PDB file of N, CA and C in Angstrom:
ATOM      1  N   MET A   1      15.940  12.509   5.721  1.00  0.00           N
ATOM      2  CA  MET A   1      16.114  11.069   5.595  1.00  0.00           C
ATOM      3  C   MET A   1      14.825  10.475   5.023  1.00  0.00           C
ATOM      4  N   ALA A   2      14.917   9.755   3.950  1.00  0.00           N
ATOM      5  CA  ALA A   2      13.750   9.135   3.306  1.00  0.00           C
ATOM      6  C   ALA A   2      13.238   7.961   4.139  1.00  0.00           C
ATOM      7  N   ILE A   3      11.912   7.821   4.133  1.00  0.00           N
ATOM      8  CA  ILE A   3      11.222   6.746   4.853  1.00  0.00           C
ATOM      9  C   ILE A   3      10.402   5.952   3.835  1.00  0.00           C
ATOM     10  N   PHE A   4      10.414   4.632   3.964  1.00  0.00           N
ATOM     11  CA  PHE A   4       9.645   3.783   3.068  1.00  0.00           C
ATOM     12  C   PHE A   4       8.778   2.831   3.884  1.00  0.00           C
ATOM     13  N   GLU A   5       7.492   2.843   3.588  1.00  0.00           N
ATOM     14  CA  GLU A   5       6.599   1.856   4.177  1.00  0.00           C
ATOM     15  C   GLU A   5       6.535   0.696   3.193  1.00  0.00           C
ATOM     16  N   VAL A   6       6.838  -0.503   3.678  1.00  0.00           N
ATOM     17  CA  VAL A   6       6.855  -1.693   2.829  1.00  0.00           C
ATOM     18  C   VAL A   6       5.766  -2.644   3.326  1.00  0.00           C
ATOM     19  N   ASP A   7       4.731  -2.785   2.512  1.00  0.00           N
ATOM     20  CA  ASP A   7       3.606  -3.673   2.826  1.00  0.00           C
ATOM     21  C   ASP A   7       3.734  -4.922   1.961  1.00  0.00           C
ATOM     22  N   VAL A   8       3.652  -6.092   2.594  1.00  0.00           N
ATOM     23  CA  VAL A   8       3.755  -7.367   1.881  1.00  0.00           C
ATOM     24  C   VAL A   8       2.571  -8.227   2.316  1.00  0.00           C
ATOM     25  N   TRP A   9       1.917  -8.869   1.331  1.00  0.00           N
ATOM     26  CA  TRP A   9       0.787  -9.729   1.645  1.00  0.00           C
ATOM     27  C   TRP A   9       0.560 -10.747   0.543  1.00  0.00           C
ATOM     28  N   VAL A  10      -0.218 -11.766   0.883  1.00  0.00           N
ATOM     29  CA  VAL A  10      -0.648 -12.779  -0.076  1.00  0.00           C
ATOM     30  C   VAL A  10      -2.161 -12.646  -0.202  1.00  0.00           C
ATOM     31  N   VAL A  11      -2.642 -12.674  -1.432  1.00  0.00           N
ATOM     32  CA  VAL A  11      -4.067 -12.553  -1.717  1.00  0.00           C
ATOM     33  C   VAL A  11      -4.741 -13.913  -1.538  1.00  0.00           C
ATOM     34  N   CYS A  12      -5.940 -13.892  -0.978  1.00  0.00           N
ATOM     35  CA  CYS A  12      -6.717 -15.120  -0.810  1.00  0.00           C
ATOM     36  C   CYS A  12      -7.062 -15.714  -2.175  1.00  0.00           C
ATOM     37  N   LYS A  13      -7.171 -17.027  -2.200  1.00  0.00           N
ATOM     38  CA  LYS A  13      -7.521 -17.723  -3.434  1.00  0.00           C
ATOM     39  C   LYS A  13      -8.822 -17.153  -4.001  1.00  0.00           C
ATOM     40  N   GLY A  14      -8.799 -16.877  -5.303  1.00  0.00           N
ATOM     41  CA  GLY A  14      -9.971 -16.350  -5.974  1.00  0.00           C
ATOM     42  C   GLY A  14     -10.142 -14.846  -5.883  1.00  0.00           C
ATOM     43  N   LYS A  15      -9.219 -14.162  -5.208  1.00  0.00           N
ATOM     44  CA  LYS A  15      -9.352 -12.708  -5.016  1.00  0.00           C
ATOM     45  C   LYS A  15      -8.294 -11.904  -5.791  1.00  0.00           C
ATOM     46  N   TRP A  16      -7.501 -12.585  -6.655  1.00  0.00           N
ATOM     47  CA  TRP A  16      -6.429 -11.900  -7.385  1.00  0.00           C
ATOM     48  C   TRP A  16      -6.946 -10.751  -8.223  1.00  0.00           C
ATOM     49  N   GLN A  17      -7.967 -11.017  -9.014  1.00  0.00           N
ATOM     50  CA  GLN A  17      -8.476  -9.994  -9.925  1.00  0.00           C
ATOM     51  C   GLN A  17      -9.021  -8.801  -9.139  1.00  0.00           C
ATOM     52  N   GLU A  18      -9.731  -9.068  -8.080  1.00  0.00           N
ATOM     53  CA  GLU A  18     -10.260  -8.006  -7.232  1.00  0.00           C
ATOM     54  C   GLU A  18      -9.120  -7.173  -6.645  1.00  0.00           C
ATOM     55  N   GLN A  19      -8.063  -7.838  -6.210  1.00  0.00           N
ATOM     56  CA  GLN A  19      -6.929  -7.135  -5.625  1.00  0.00           C
ATOM     57  C   GLN A  19      -6.223  -6.253  -6.658  1.00  0.00           C
ATOM     58  N   GLU A  20      -6.138  -6.723  -7.894  1.00  0.00           N
ATOM     59  CA  GLU A  20      -5.543  -5.935  -8.977  1.00  0.00           C
ATOM     60  C   GLU A  20      -6.346  -4.650  -9.202  1.00  0.00           C
ATOM     61  N   VAL A  21      -7.663  -4.766  -9.194  1.00  0.00           N
ATOM     62  CA  VAL A  21      -8.534  -3.598  -9.379  1.00  0.00           C
ATOM     63  C   VAL A  21      -8.318  -2.608  -8.239  1.00  0.00           C
ATOM     64  N   ILE A  22      -8.207  -3.100  -7.028  1.00  0.00           N
ATOM     65  CA  ILE A  22      -7.993  -2.229  -5.869  1.00  0.00           C
ATOM     66  C   ILE A  22      -6.656  -1.520  -5.974  1.00  0.00           C
ATOM     67  N   MET A  23      -5.610  -2.219  -6.401  1.00  0.00           N
ATOM     68  CA  MET A  23      -4.302  -1.574  -6.532  1.00  0.00           C
ATOM     69  C   MET A  23      -4.327  -0.491  -7.608  1.00  0.00           C
ATOM     70  N   LYS A  24      -5.028  -0.724  -8.698  1.00  0.00           N
ATOM     71  CA  LYS A  24      -5.177   0.322  -9.720  1.00  0.00           C
ATOM     72  C   LYS A  24      -5.902   1.523  -9.130  1.00  0.00           C
ATOM     73  N   TRP A  25      -6.913   1.256  -8.314  1.00  0.00           N
ATOM     74  CA  TRP A  25      -7.655   2.332  -7.664  1.00  0.00           C
ATOM     75  C   TRP A  25      -6.728   3.154  -6.757  1.00  0.00           C
ATOM     76  N   VAL A  26      -5.834   2.493  -6.029  1.00  0.00           N
ATOM     77  CA  VAL A  26      -4.904   3.197  -5.134  1.00  0.00           C
ATOM     78  C   VAL A  26      -4.069   4.203  -5.928  1.00  0.00           C
ATOM     79  N   PHE A  27      -3.574   3.788  -7.082  1.00  0.00           N
ATOM     80  CA  PHE A  27      -2.765   4.694  -7.896  1.00  0.00           C
ATOM     81  C   PHE A  27      -3.612   5.839  -8.456  1.00  0.00           C
ATOM     82  N   GLU A  28      -4.846   5.558  -8.841  1.00  0.00           N
ATOM     83  CA  GLU A  28      -5.738   6.600  -9.345  1.00  0.00           C
ATOM     84  C   GLU A  28      -6.130   7.578  -8.237  1.00  0.00           C
ATOM     85  N   TYR A  29      -6.247   7.078  -7.016  1.00  0.00           N
ATOM     86  CA  TYR A  29      -6.606   7.929  -5.883  1.00  0.00           C
ATOM     87  C   TYR A  29      -5.618   9.085  -5.752  1.00  0.00           C
ATOM     88  N   GLY A  30      -4.349   8.778  -5.872  1.00  0.00           N
ATOM     89  CA  GLY A  30      -3.329   9.815  -5.764  1.00  0.00           C
ATOM     90  C   GLY A  30      -3.469  10.896  -6.817  1.00  0.00           C
ATOM     91  N   LYS A  31      -3.842  10.504  -8.018  1.00  0.00           N
ATOM     92  CA  LYS A  31      -4.041  11.477  -9.095  1.00  0.00           C
ATOM     93  C   LYS A  31      -5.278  12.338  -8.851  1.00  0.00           C
ATOM     94  N   LYS A  32      -6.320  11.724  -8.297  1.00  0.00           N
ATOM     95  CA  LYS A  32      -7.577  12.434  -8.072  1.00  0.00           C
ATOM     96  C   LYS A  32      -7.569  13.289  -6.800  1.00  0.00           C
ATOM     97  N   HIS A  33      -6.657  12.974  -5.892  1.00  0.00           N
ATOM     98  CA  HIS A  33      -6.596  13.674  -4.606  1.00  0.00           C
ATOM     99  C   HIS A  33      -5.171  14.182  -4.353  1.00  0.00           C
ATOM    100  N   PRO A  34      -4.733  15.167  -5.120  1.00  0.00           N
ATOM    101  CA  PRO A  34      -3.348  15.631  -4.976  1.00  0.00           C
ATOM    102  C   PRO A  34      -3.028  16.194  -3.588  1.00  0.00           C
ATOM    103  N   GLY A  35      -4.029  16.745  -2.913  1.00  0.00           N
ATOM    104  CA  GLY A  35      -3.787  17.252  -1.564  1.00  0.00           C
ATOM    105  C   GLY A  35      -3.449  16.146  -0.587  1.00  0.00           C
ATOM    106  N   ALA A  36      -4.159  15.037  -0.710  1.00  0.00           N
ATOM    107  CA  ALA A  36      -3.926  13.897   0.184  1.00  0.00           C
ATOM    108  C   ALA A  36      -2.599  13.224  -0.120  1.00  0.00           C
ATOM    109  N   SER A  37      -2.248  13.178  -1.396  1.00  0.00           N
ATOM    110  CA  SER A  37      -1.044  12.440  -1.784  1.00  0.00           C
ATOM    111  C   SER A  37       0.205  13.317  -1.889  1.00  0.00           C
ATOM    112  N   ALA A  38       0.107  14.573  -1.511  1.00  0.00           N
ATOM    113  CA  ALA A  38       1.246  15.486  -1.627  1.00  0.00           C
ATOM    114  C   ALA A  38       2.468  15.005  -0.820  1.00  0.00           C
ATOM    115  N   SER A  39       2.229  14.293   0.263  1.00  0.00           N
ATOM    116  CA  SER A  39       3.332  13.812   1.112  1.00  0.00           C
ATOM    117  C   SER A  39       4.011  12.571   0.552  1.00  0.00           C
ATOM    118  N   VAL A  40       3.378  11.915  -0.412  1.00  0.00           N
ATOM    119  CA  VAL A  40       3.939  10.689  -0.983  1.00  0.00           C
ATOM    120  C   VAL A  40       4.949  11.065  -2.063  1.00  0.00           C
ATOM    121  N   LYS A  41       6.176  10.614  -1.896  1.00  0.00           N
ATOM    122  CA  LYS A  41       7.238  10.920  -2.869  1.00  0.00           C
ATOM    123  C   LYS A  41       7.395   9.824  -3.913  1.00  0.00           C
ATOM    124  N   SER A  42       7.009   8.602  -3.572  1.00  0.00           N
ATOM    125  CA  SER A  42       7.087   7.502  -4.532  1.00  0.00           C
ATOM    126  C   SER A  42       6.101   6.416  -4.119  1.00  0.00           C
ATOM    127  N   LEU A  43       5.651   5.668  -5.124  1.00  0.00           N
ATOM    128  CA  LEU A  43       4.715   4.576  -4.879  1.00  0.00           C
ATOM    129  C   LEU A  43       4.986   3.499  -5.916  1.00  0.00           C
ATOM    130  N   ARG A  44       5.345   2.305  -5.443  1.00  0.00           N
ATOM    131  CA  ARG A  44       5.659   1.187  -6.343  1.00  0.00           C
ATOM    132  C   ARG A  44       4.893  -0.040  -5.883  1.00  0.00           C
ATOM    133  N   PHE A  45       4.419  -0.800  -6.864  1.00  0.00           N
ATOM    134  CA  PHE A  45       3.658  -2.014  -6.597  1.00  0.00           C
ATOM    135  C   PHE A  45       4.305  -3.156  -7.358  1.00  0.00           C
ATOM    136  N   PHE A  46       4.506  -4.278  -6.667  1.00  0.00           N
ATOM    137  CA  PHE A  46       5.132  -5.456  -7.272  1.00  0.00           C
ATOM    138  C   PHE A  46       4.313  -6.686  -6.941  1.00  0.00           C
ATOM    139  N   ARG A  47       4.360  -7.663  -7.855  1.00  0.00           N
ATOM    140  CA  ARG A  47       3.816  -9.002  -7.606  1.00  0.00           C
ATOM    141  C   ARG A  47       4.976  -9.968  -7.739  1.00  0.00           C
ATOM    142  N   GLN A  48       5.081 -10.858  -6.803  1.00  0.00           N
ATOM    143  CA  GLN A  48       6.132 -11.868  -6.834  1.00  0.00           C
ATOM    144  C   GLN A  48       5.905 -12.792  -8.015  1.00  0.00           C
ATOM    145  N   GLY A  49       6.961 -13.057  -8.749  1.00  0.00           N
ATOM    146  CA  GLY A  49       6.847 -13.929  -9.908  1.00  0.00           C
ATOM    147  C   GLY A  49       7.258 -15.358  -9.630  1.00  0.00           C
ATOM    148  N   ILE A  50       8.482 -15.553  -9.195  1.00  0.00           N
ATOM    149  CA  ILE A  50       9.023 -16.902  -9.009  1.00  0.00           C
ATOM    150  C   ILE A  50       9.743 -16.950  -7.665  1.00  0.00           C
ATOM    151  N   GLY A  51       9.613 -18.066  -6.983  1.00  0.00           N
ATOM    152  CA  GLY A  51      10.346 -18.303  -5.741  1.00  0.00           C
ATOM    153  C   GLY A  51       9.645 -17.721  -4.529  1.00  0.00           C
ATOM    154  N   GLY A  52      10.266 -17.952  -3.392  1.00  0.00           N
ATOM    155  CA  GLY A  52       9.733 -17.451  -2.137  1.00  0.00           C
ATOM    156  C   GLY A  52       8.628 -18.337  -1.593  1.00  0.00           C
ATOM    157  N   SER A  53       8.327 -18.111  -0.340  1.00  0.00           N
ATOM    158  CA  SER A  53       7.287 -18.880   0.305  1.00  0.00           C
ATOM    159  C   SER A  53       6.553 -17.969   1.285  1.00  0.00           C
ATOM    160  N   PRO A  54       5.283 -17.866   1.209  1.00  0.00           N
ATOM    161  CA  PRO A  54       4.415 -18.477   0.209  1.00  0.00           C
ATOM    162  C   PRO A  54       4.540 -17.766  -1.128  1.00  0.00           C
ATOM    163  N   VAL A  55       4.161 -18.462  -2.170  1.00  0.00           N
ATOM    164  CA  VAL A  55       4.229 -17.915  -3.519  1.00  0.00           C
ATOM    165  C   VAL A  55       3.085 -16.922  -3.725  1.00  0.00           C
ATOM    166  N   GLY A  56       3.336 -15.910  -4.539  1.00  0.00           N
ATOM    167  CA  GLY A  56       2.267 -14.986  -4.910  1.00  0.00           C
ATOM    168  C   GLY A  56       2.144 -13.764  -4.032  1.00  0.00           C
ATOM    169  N   LYS A  57       3.228 -13.304  -3.471  1.00  0.00           N
ATOM    170  CA  LYS A  57       3.175 -12.122  -2.616  1.00  0.00           C
ATOM    171  C   LYS A  57       2.965 -10.858  -3.440  1.00  0.00           C
ATOM    172  N   PHE A  58       2.285  -9.918  -2.848  1.00  0.00           N
ATOM    173  CA  PHE A  58       2.149  -8.570  -3.379  1.00  0.00           C
ATOM    174  C   PHE A  58       3.002  -7.674  -2.483  1.00  0.00           C
ATOM    175  N   VAL A  59       3.614  -6.652  -3.063  1.00  0.00           N
ATOM    176  CA  VAL A  59       4.437  -5.714  -2.301  1.00  0.00           C
ATOM    177  C   VAL A  59       4.079  -4.301  -2.744  1.00  0.00           C
ATOM    178  N   LEU A  60       3.809  -3.437  -1.785  1.00  0.00           N
ATOM    179  CA  LEU A  60       3.553  -2.025  -2.050  1.00  0.00           C
ATOM    180  C   LEU A  60       4.572  -1.232  -1.246  1.00  0.00           C
ATOM    181  N   ILE A  61       5.357  -0.395  -1.933  1.00  0.00           N
ATOM    182  CA  ILE A  61       6.372   0.429  -1.272  1.00  0.00           C
ATOM    183  C   ILE A  61       5.990   1.889  -1.466  1.00  0.00           C
ATOM    184  N   THR A  62       5.766   2.575  -0.347  1.00  0.00           N
ATOM    185  CA  THR A  62       5.378   3.975  -0.370  1.00  0.00           C
ATOM    186  C   THR A  62       6.498   4.795   0.260  1.00  0.00           C
ATOM    187  N   GLY A  63       7.001   5.770  -0.483  1.00  0.00           N
ATOM    188  CA  GLY A  63       8.115   6.584  -0.006  1.00  0.00           C
ATOM    189  C   GLY A  63       7.666   7.950   0.483  1.00  0.00           C
ATOM    190  N   PHE A  64       8.296   8.405   1.553  1.00  0.00           N
ATOM    191  CA  PHE A  64       8.026   9.716   2.152  1.00  0.00           C
ATOM    192  C   PHE A  64       9.364  10.386   2.468  1.00  0.00           C
ATOM    193  N   GLU A  65       9.350  11.695   2.593  1.00  0.00           N
ATOM    194  CA  GLU A  65      10.560  12.421   2.990  1.00  0.00           C
ATOM    195  C   GLU A  65      10.882  12.200   4.469  1.00  0.00           C
ATOM    196  N   SER A  66       9.832  11.994   5.289  1.00  0.00           N
ATOM    197  CA  SER A  66      10.039  11.886   6.738  1.00  0.00           C
ATOM    198  C   SER A  66       8.875  11.137   7.382  1.00  0.00           C
ATOM    199  N   LEU A  67       9.057  10.759   8.637  1.00  0.00           N
ATOM    200  CA  LEU A  67       7.961  10.139   9.393  1.00  0.00           C
ATOM    201  C   LEU A  67       6.804  11.123   9.552  1.00  0.00           C
ATOM    202  N   ALA A  68       7.125  12.404   9.710  1.00  0.00           N
ATOM    203  CA  ALA A  68       6.074  13.419   9.836  1.00  0.00           C
ATOM    204  C   ALA A  68       5.209  13.461   8.582  1.00  0.00           C
ATOM    205  N   ASP A  69       5.824  13.356   7.403  1.00  0.00           N
ATOM    206  CA  ASP A  69       5.058  13.323   6.158  1.00  0.00           C
ATOM    207  C   ASP A  69       4.180  12.077   6.087  1.00  0.00           C
ATOM    208  N   MET A  70       4.700  10.959   6.542  1.00  0.00           N
ATOM    209  CA  MET A  70       3.924   9.726   6.543  1.00  0.00           C
ATOM    210  C   MET A  70       2.715   9.864   7.473  1.00  0.00           C
ATOM    211  N   GLU A  71       2.931  10.417   8.652  1.00  0.00           N
ATOM    212  CA  GLU A  71       1.845  10.626   9.610  1.00  0.00           C
ATOM    213  C   GLU A  71       0.794  11.582   9.044  1.00  0.00           C
ATOM    214  N   LYS A  72       1.243  12.623   8.371  1.00  0.00           N
ATOM    215  CA  LYS A  72       0.324  13.587   7.757  1.00  0.00           C
ATOM    216  C   LYS A  72      -0.553  12.884   6.714  1.00  0.00           C
ATOM    217  N   PHE A  73       0.063  12.069   5.882  1.00  0.00           N
ATOM    218  CA  PHE A  73      -0.649  11.337   4.843  1.00  0.00           C
ATOM    219  C   PHE A  73      -1.729  10.448   5.451  1.00  0.00           C
ATOM    220  N   TYR A  74      -1.373   9.659   6.453  1.00  0.00           N
ATOM    221  CA  TYR A  74      -2.340   8.742   7.046  1.00  0.00           C
ATOM    222  C   TYR A  74      -3.398   9.458   7.871  1.00  0.00           C
ATOM    223  N   SER A  75      -3.092  10.609   8.411  1.00  0.00           N
ATOM    224  CA  SER A  75      -4.122  11.363   9.137  1.00  0.00           C
ATOM    225  C   SER A  75      -5.197  11.870   8.178  1.00  0.00           C
ATOM    226  N   ILE A  76      -4.814  12.155   6.933  1.00  0.00           N
ATOM    227  CA  ILE A  76      -5.789  12.550   5.906  1.00  0.00           C
ATOM    228  C   ILE A  76      -6.617  11.337   5.482  1.00  0.00           C
ATOM    229  N   LEU A  77      -5.948  10.215   5.228  1.00  0.00           N
ATOM    230  CA  LEU A  77      -6.654   9.019   4.747  1.00  0.00           C
ATOM    231  C   LEU A  77      -7.663   8.482   5.749  1.00  0.00           C
ATOM    232  N   GLU A  78      -7.323   8.532   7.027  1.00  0.00           N
ATOM    233  CA  GLU A  78      -8.230   7.951   8.027  1.00  0.00           C
ATOM    234  C   GLU A  78      -9.542   8.730   8.154  1.00  0.00           C
ATOM    235  N   LYS A  79      -9.619   9.900   7.525  1.00  0.00           N
ATOM    236  CA  LYS A  79     -10.850  10.703   7.534  1.00  0.00           C
ATOM    237  C   LYS A  79     -11.591  10.630   6.199  1.00  0.00           C
ATOM    238  N   ASP A  80     -11.041   9.922   5.232  1.00  0.00           N
ATOM    239  CA  ASP A  80     -11.621   9.868   3.889  1.00  0.00           C
ATOM    240  C   ASP A  80     -12.492   8.627   3.744  1.00  0.00           C
ATOM    241  N   GLU A  81     -13.808   8.832   3.649  1.00  0.00           N
ATOM    242  CA  GLU A  81     -14.763   7.713   3.570  1.00  0.00           C
ATOM    243  C   GLU A  81     -14.509   6.824   2.358  1.00  0.00           C
ATOM    244  N   GLU A  82     -14.174   7.424   1.218  1.00  0.00           N
ATOM    245  CA  GLU A  82     -13.907   6.649  -0.004  1.00  0.00           C
ATOM    246  C   GLU A  82     -12.718   5.715   0.217  1.00  0.00           C
ATOM    247  N   TRP A  83     -11.636   6.246   0.792  1.00  0.00           N
ATOM    248  CA  TRP A  83     -10.435   5.454   1.055  1.00  0.00           C
ATOM    249  C   TRP A  83     -10.757   4.312   2.018  1.00  0.00           C
ATOM    250  N   LEU A  84     -11.468   4.612   3.086  1.00  0.00           N
ATOM    251  CA  LEU A  84     -11.772   3.592   4.102  1.00  0.00           C
ATOM    252  C   LEU A  84     -12.634   2.469   3.532  1.00  0.00           C
ATOM    253  N   LYS A  85     -13.565   2.810   2.653  1.00  0.00           N
ATOM    254  CA  LYS A  85     -14.419   1.802   2.034  1.00  0.00           C
ATOM    255  C   LYS A  85     -13.605   0.847   1.164  1.00  0.00           C
ATOM    256  N   VAL A  86     -12.716   1.396   0.334  1.00  0.00           N
ATOM    257  CA  VAL A  86     -11.895   0.558  -0.549  1.00  0.00           C
ATOM    258  C   VAL A  86     -10.877  -0.229   0.270  1.00  0.00           C
ATOM    259  N   LYS A  87     -10.322   0.375   1.312  1.00  0.00           N
ATOM    260  CA  LYS A  87      -9.366  -0.336   2.174  1.00  0.00           C
ATOM    261  C   LYS A  87     -10.033  -1.570   2.798  1.00  0.00           C
ATOM    262  N   LYS A  88     -11.244  -1.400   3.274  1.00  0.00           N
ATOM    263  CA  LYS A  88     -11.972  -2.526   3.883  1.00  0.00           C
ATOM    264  C   LYS A  88     -12.173  -3.648   2.866  1.00  0.00           C
ATOM    265  N   LYS A  89     -12.556  -3.292   1.643  1.00  0.00           N
ATOM    266  CA  LYS A  89     -12.750  -4.285   0.588  1.00  0.00           C
ATOM    267  C   LYS A  89     -11.425  -4.975   0.258  1.00  0.00           C
ATOM    268  N   GLY A  90     -10.341  -4.202   0.182  1.00  0.00           N
ATOM    269  CA  GLY A  90      -9.027  -4.770  -0.128  1.00  0.00           C
ATOM    270  C   GLY A  90      -8.547  -5.739   0.927  1.00  0.00           C
ATOM    271  N   VAL A  91      -8.720  -5.380   2.185  1.00  0.00           N
ATOM    272  CA  VAL A  91      -8.270  -6.237   3.283  1.00  0.00           C
ATOM    273  C   VAL A  91      -9.060  -7.540   3.312  1.00  0.00           C
ATOM    274  N   SER A  92     -10.313  -7.500   2.860  1.00  0.00           N
ATOM    275  CA  SER A  92     -11.121  -8.722   2.874  1.00  0.00           C
ATOM    276  C   SER A  92     -10.576  -9.781   1.921  1.00  0.00           C
ATOM    277  N   GLY A  93      -9.736  -9.398   0.966  1.00  0.00           N
ATOM    278  CA  GLY A  93      -9.146 -10.352   0.032  1.00  0.00           C
ATOM    279  C   GLY A  93      -7.730 -10.753   0.371  1.00  0.00           C
ATOM    280  N   VAL A  94      -7.257 -10.365   1.560  1.00  0.00           N
ATOM    281  CA  VAL A  94      -5.878 -10.634   1.975  1.00  0.00           C
ATOM    282  C   VAL A  94      -5.848 -11.744   3.021  1.00  0.00           C
ATOM    283  N   ASP A  95      -4.906 -12.653   2.866  1.00  0.00           N
ATOM    284  CA  ASP A  95      -4.653 -13.655   3.904  1.00  0.00           C
ATOM    285  C   ASP A  95      -3.910 -12.920   5.021  1.00  0.00           C
ATOM    286  N   LEU A  96      -4.630 -12.552   6.077  1.00  0.00           N
ATOM    287  CA  LEU A  96      -4.071 -11.688   7.122  1.00  0.00           C
ATOM    288  C   LEU A  96      -2.875 -12.302   7.842  1.00  0.00           C
ATOM    289  N   LYS A  97      -2.742 -13.626   7.810  1.00  0.00           N
ATOM    290  CA  LYS A  97      -1.573 -14.268   8.430  1.00  0.00           C
ATOM    291  C   LYS A  97      -0.292 -13.904   7.681  1.00  0.00           C
ATOM    292  N   THR A  98      -0.430 -13.482   6.430  1.00  0.00           N
ATOM    293  CA  THR A  98       0.747 -13.168   5.618  1.00  0.00           C
ATOM    294  C   THR A  98       1.067 -11.683   5.600  1.00  0.00           C
ATOM    295  N   MET A  99       0.195 -10.856   6.147  1.00  0.00           N
ATOM    296  CA  MET A  99       0.369  -9.401   6.095  1.00  0.00           C
ATOM    297  C   MET A  99       1.563  -8.971   6.936  1.00  0.00           C
ATOM    298  N   ASN A 100       2.420  -8.175   6.316  1.00  0.00           N
ATOM    299  CA  ASN A 100       3.606  -7.681   7.007  1.00  0.00           C
ATOM    300  C   ASN A 100       3.809  -6.230   6.593  1.00  0.00           C
ATOM    301  N   VAL A 101       3.931  -5.335   7.579  1.00  0.00           N
ATOM    302  CA  VAL A 101       4.173  -3.928   7.320  1.00  0.00           C
ATOM    303  C   VAL A 101       5.446  -3.551   8.059  1.00  0.00           C
ATOM    304  N   ALA A 102       6.372  -2.908   7.338  1.00  0.00           N
ATOM    305  CA  ALA A 102       7.624  -2.484   7.950  1.00  0.00           C
ATOM    306  C   ALA A 102       7.958  -1.076   7.471  1.00  0.00           C
ATOM    307  N   ILE A 103       8.637  -0.331   8.315  1.00  0.00           N
ATOM    308  CA  ILE A 103       9.118   1.005   7.953  1.00  0.00           C
ATOM    309  C   ILE A 103      10.628   0.896   7.774  1.00  0.00           C
ATOM    310  N   TRP A 104      11.093   1.268   6.593  1.00  0.00           N
ATOM    311  CA  TRP A 104      12.517   1.256   6.263  1.00  0.00           C
ATOM    312  C   TRP A 104      12.987   2.697   6.129  1.00  0.00           C
ATOM    313  N   ASN A 105      14.229   2.932   6.436  1.00  0.00           N
ATOM    314  CA  ASN A 105      14.775   4.271   6.204  1.00  0.00           C
ATOM    315  C   ASN A 105      16.035   4.200   5.365  1.00  0.00           C
ATOM    316  N   ASP A 106      16.267   5.259   4.638  1.00  0.00           N
ATOM    317  CA  ASP A 106      17.468   5.391   3.810  1.00  0.00           C
ATOM    318  C   ASP A 106      18.492   6.166   4.629  1.00  0.00           C
ATOM    319  N   PRO A 107      19.514   5.500   5.152  1.00  0.00           N
ATOM    320  CA  PRO A 107      20.459   6.168   6.041  1.00  0.00           C
ATOM    321  C   PRO A 107      21.377   7.171   5.348  1.00  0.00           C
ATOM    322  N   ALA A 108      21.340   7.214   4.038  1.00  0.00           N
ATOM    323  CA  ALA A 108      22.231   8.134   3.314  1.00  0.00           C
ATOM    324  C   ALA A 108      21.782   9.561   3.418  1.00  0.00           C
TER     325      ALA A 108
END
């Protein structure tokens, strides 16, 4: 059964460009660290264009084959100093009141 982590957030005013750079880094990280990203089956990033409230949401959807694969992935990341440094910088540009993380599953 496929598992999807869906992260949704709004970037703080003046931090859009910084957040874009961080998201590009996230995608490059997977290419540079194939061992860490082996559990990730899909990774999609979206920016809200029109509608919704608040306006300007970012969405990151990360797909895994199972919860065990997701746990394996995050157990690797939590030990990676490079990842933790960039994560801290990324979170500093997020309006934390808007941060929402959900786990979705594909029942098929």
